[in-house]
């Protein structure tokens, strides 16, 4: 049976909220970095109400041991 680990992604908690006011390319770079570590995004919700590009989501990756 496969086992998974999960990670909550919140842009306001990443390195002190560095994504506030950032562009899509910078967010893509961060998400691609997670992909390189084996994480798969299973849910991502962007909130642009305040004019900031904040997001929250969930990622998973298979446990190998």
Protein backbone atom coordinates (compact mmCIF):
# COMPACT_ATOMS: atom_id res chain seq x y z
CA UNK A 1 0.00 0.00 0.00
CA UNK A 2 1.32 3.45 -0.91
CA UNK A 3 1.90 5.93 1.89
CA UNK A 4 1.94 9.69 1.46
CA UNK A 5 3.19 12.73 3.30
CA UNK A 6 1.41 16.06 2.98
CA UNK A 7 2.57 19.65 3.15
CA UNK A 8 0.48 22.80 3.61
CA UNK A 9 1.72 25.65 1.43
CA UNK A 10 0.91 29.20 2.53
CA UNK A 11 2.64 32.06 0.72
CA UNK A 12 2.34 34.34 3.75
CA UNK A 13 4.46 31.92 5.81
CA UNK A 14 7.16 31.28 3.22
CA UNK A 15 10.31 33.20 4.17
CA UNK A 16 8.30 35.93 5.86
CA UNK A 17 5.73 36.32 3.08
CA UNK A 18 8.15 36.98 0.21
CA UNK A 19 5.42 36.40 -2.38
CA UNK A 20 3.39 39.44 -1.42
CA UNK A 21 3.13 41.52 -4.54
CA UNK A 22 5.24 39.04 -6.53
CA UNK A 23 4.60 38.01 -10.11
CA UNK A 24 3.42 34.69 -11.45
CA UNK A 25 6.93 33.83 -12.68
CA UNK A 26 8.30 34.00 -9.11
CA UNK A 27 5.45 31.85 -7.82
CA UNK A 28 6.04 29.35 -10.64
CA UNK A 29 9.72 29.17 -9.66
CA UNK A 30 8.76 28.30 -6.08
CA UNK A 31 6.20 25.69 -7.16
CA UNK A 32 8.63 24.14 -9.65
CA UNK A 33 11.15 23.86 -6.80
CA UNK A 34 8.62 21.82 -4.85
CA UNK A 35 8.15 19.62 -7.91
CA UNK A 36 11.89 19.00 -8.08
CA UNK A 37 11.69 17.77 -4.47
CA UNK A 38 8.96 15.30 -5.45
CA UNK A 39 5.96 17.29 -4.21
CA UNK A 40 2.74 17.23 -6.23
CA UNK A 41 0.29 20.10 -5.71
CA UNK A 42 -3.16 18.64 -5.06
CA UNK A 43 -4.95 21.90 -4.25
CA UNK A 44 -4.01 25.56 -4.64
CA UNK A 45 -6.19 28.60 -3.99
CA UNK A 46 -5.06 32.10 -4.97
CA UNK A 47 -6.46 35.10 -3.09
CA UNK A 48 -6.11 38.41 -4.92
CA UNK A 49 -8.65 40.36 -2.84
CA UNK A 50 -6.06 42.69 -1.30
CA UNK A 51 -4.11 43.23 -4.51
CA UNK A 52 -1.46 40.80 -3.25
CA UNK A 53 -0.88 37.45 -4.94
CA UNK A 54 -1.24 35.22 -1.86
CA UNK A 55 -2.07 31.54 -1.99
CA UNK A 56 -2.66 28.52 0.20
CA UNK A 57 -2.63 24.90 -0.85
CA UNK A 58 -1.74 21.29 -0.19
CA UNK A 59 1.03 19.18 -1.71
CA UNK A 60 1.76 15.48 -1.36
CA UNK A 61 4.59 13.08 -2.12
CA UNK A 62 4.95 9.36 -1.78
CA UNK A 63 6.94 8.02 1.14
CA UNK A 64 9.69 5.72 -0.10
CA UNK A 65 10.70 4.05 3.16
